[in-house]
């Protein structure tokens, strides 16, 4: 996977986190309190600025009240692996 594709993947994941948070009517700070992650880290994730670990994905899902797989339901069209 190229660095451009990795960046696109981070952008898609961040957009999914943001839309899920918005649908739950949570602010970034409220989500931060729910999942014990710093609000600035959540903001960076939503902007696609950083890659997340599996542990962070699970913490976000817990804070959002969704199964972790819900945060991986992005549109992966155009991404190639190999």
C-alpha atoms as a PDB file:
ATOM      1  CA  UNK A   1       0.000   0.000   0.000  1.00  0.00           C
ATOM      2  CA  UNK A   2       1.425   3.370  -0.939  1.00  0.00           C
ATOM      3  CA  UNK A   3       1.702   6.254   1.508  1.00  0.00           C
ATOM      4  CA  UNK A   4      -0.995   8.065  -0.490  1.00  0.00           C
ATOM      5  CA  UNK A   5      -3.322   5.089  -0.070  1.00  0.00           C
ATOM      6  CA  UNK A   6      -2.534   4.909   3.646  1.00  0.00           C
ATOM      7  CA  UNK A   7      -3.373   8.607   3.946  1.00  0.00           C
ATOM      8  CA  UNK A   8      -6.671   8.066   2.109  1.00  0.00           C
ATOM      9  CA  UNK A   9      -7.459   5.187   4.433  1.00  0.00           C
ATOM     10  CA  UNK A  10      -6.802   7.384   7.478  1.00  0.00           C
ATOM     11  CA  UNK A  11      -9.030  10.091   5.966  1.00  0.00           C
ATOM     12  CA  UNK A  12     -11.853   7.591   5.425  1.00  0.00           C
ATOM     13  CA  UNK A  13     -11.532   6.191   8.933  1.00  0.00           C
ATOM     14  CA  UNK A  14     -11.518   9.685  10.416  1.00  0.00           C
ATOM     15  CA  UNK A  15     -14.630  10.616   8.463  1.00  0.00           C
ATOM     16  CA  UNK A  16     -16.368   7.494   9.763  1.00  0.00           C
ATOM     17  CA  UNK A  17     -15.452   8.351  13.353  1.00  0.00           C
ATOM     18  CA  UNK A  18     -16.662  11.940  12.869  1.00  0.00           C
ATOM     19  CA  UNK A  19     -19.972  10.936  11.287  1.00  0.00           C
ATOM     20  CA  UNK A  20     -20.600   8.305  13.964  1.00  0.00           C
ATOM     21  CA  UNK A  21     -19.829  10.830  16.708  1.00  0.00           C
ATOM     22  CA  UNK A  22     -22.124  13.395  15.095  1.00  0.00           C
ATOM     23  CA  UNK A  23     -24.910  10.849  14.711  1.00  0.00           C
ATOM     24  CA  UNK A  24     -24.622  10.142  18.443  1.00  0.00           C
ATOM     25  CA  UNK A  25     -24.792  13.904  19.081  1.00  0.00           C
ATOM     26  CA  UNK A  26     -21.468  13.916  20.922  1.00  0.00           C
ATOM     27  CA  UNK A  27     -18.839  16.631  20.991  1.00  0.00           C
ATOM     28  CA  UNK A  28     -15.173  15.709  20.666  1.00  0.00           C
ATOM     29  CA  UNK A  29     -14.723  16.454  24.372  1.00  0.00           C
ATOM     30  CA  UNK A  30     -17.657  14.230  25.334  1.00  0.00           C
ATOM     31  CA  UNK A  31     -16.236  11.386  23.265  1.00  0.00           C
ATOM     32  CA  UNK A  32     -12.872  12.036  24.888  1.00  0.00           C
ATOM     33  CA  UNK A  33     -14.385  11.542  28.333  1.00  0.00           C
ATOM     34  CA  UNK A  34     -16.289   8.428  27.185  1.00  0.00           C
ATOM     35  CA  UNK A  35     -13.243   6.616  25.834  1.00  0.00           C
ATOM     36  CA  UNK A  36     -10.414   8.126  27.914  1.00  0.00           C
ATOM     37  CA  UNK A  37      -8.539   9.494  24.895  1.00  0.00           C
ATOM     38  CA  UNK A  38      -7.237  13.033  24.687  1.00  0.00           C
ATOM     39  CA  UNK A  39      -9.600  15.292  22.713  1.00  0.00           C
ATOM     40  CA  UNK A  40      -6.718  16.545  20.559  1.00  0.00           C
ATOM     41  CA  UNK A  41      -5.928  12.954  19.527  1.00  0.00           C
ATOM     42  CA  UNK A  42      -9.567  12.391  18.559  1.00  0.00           C
ATOM     43  CA  UNK A  43      -9.513  15.592  16.537  1.00  0.00           C
ATOM     44  CA  UNK A  44      -6.382  14.431  14.700  1.00  0.00           C
ATOM     45  CA  UNK A  45      -7.959  11.030  14.039  1.00  0.00           C
ATOM     46  CA  UNK A  46     -11.100  12.651  12.609  1.00  0.00           C
ATOM     47  CA  UNK A  47      -8.947  14.817  10.331  1.00  0.00           C
ATOM     48  CA  UNK A  48      -7.030  11.752   9.136  1.00  0.00           C
ATOM     49  CA  UNK A  49      -3.762  13.094  10.521  1.00  0.00           C
ATOM     50  CA  UNK A  50      -2.753   9.996  12.483  1.00  0.00           C
ATOM     51  CA  UNK A  51      -3.008   6.258  12.140  1.00  0.00           C
ATOM     52  CA  UNK A  52      -4.661   4.410  15.013  1.00  0.00           C
ATOM     53  CA  UNK A  53      -3.774   1.208  16.791  1.00  0.00           C
ATOM     54  CA  UNK A  54      -6.241  -1.598  17.265  1.00  0.00           C
ATOM     55  CA  UNK A  55      -6.501  -0.639  20.936  1.00  0.00           C
ATOM     56  CA  UNK A  56      -7.411   2.949  20.016  1.00  0.00           C
ATOM     57  CA  UNK A  57     -10.026   1.717  17.536  1.00  0.00           C
ATOM     58  CA  UNK A  58     -11.624  -0.379  20.288  1.00  0.00           C
ATOM     59  CA  UNK A  59     -11.513   2.547  22.746  1.00  0.00           C
ATOM     60  CA  UNK A  60     -13.199   4.820  20.191  1.00  0.00           C
ATOM     61  CA  UNK A  61     -15.882   2.220  19.504  1.00  0.00           C
ATOM     62  CA  UNK A  62     -16.531   1.796  23.223  1.00  0.00           C
ATOM     63  CA  UNK A  63     -16.801   5.567  23.660  1.00  0.00           C
ATOM     64  CA  UNK A  64     -19.221   5.777  20.747  1.00  0.00           C
ATOM     65  CA  UNK A  65     -21.287   2.812  21.915  1.00  0.00           C
ATOM     66  CA  UNK A  66     -20.750   0.831  18.711  1.00  0.00           C
ATOM     67  CA  UNK A  67     -19.023  -2.418  17.771  1.00  0.00           C
ATOM     68  CA  UNK A  68     -15.479  -1.794  16.479  1.00  0.00           C
ATOM     69  CA  UNK A  69     -16.453  -3.201  13.078  1.00  0.00           C
ATOM     70  CA  UNK A  70     -18.836  -0.247  12.642  1.00  0.00           C
ATOM     71  CA  UNK A  71     -15.823   2.060  12.431  1.00  0.00           C
ATOM     72  CA  UNK A  72     -14.349  -0.032   9.618  1.00  0.00           C
ATOM     73  CA  UNK A  73     -17.303   0.283   7.283  1.00  0.00           C
ATOM     74  CA  UNK A  74     -15.691   2.950   5.135  1.00  0.00           C
ATOM     75  CA  UNK A  75     -15.637   3.053   1.368  1.00  0.00           C
ATOM     76  CA  UNK A  76     -12.420   1.306   0.410  1.00  0.00           C
ATOM     77  CA  UNK A  77     -12.890   1.725  -3.338  1.00  0.00           C
ATOM     78  CA  UNK A  78      -9.742   2.601  -5.175  1.00  0.00           C
ATOM     79  CA  UNK A  79      -7.412   1.224  -2.537  1.00  0.00           C
ATOM     80  CA  UNK A  80      -5.136  -1.585  -3.614  1.00  0.00           C
ATOM     81  CA  UNK A  81      -3.284  -4.028  -1.480  1.00  0.00           C
ATOM     82  CA  UNK A  82      -0.218  -5.794  -2.669  1.00  0.00           C
END
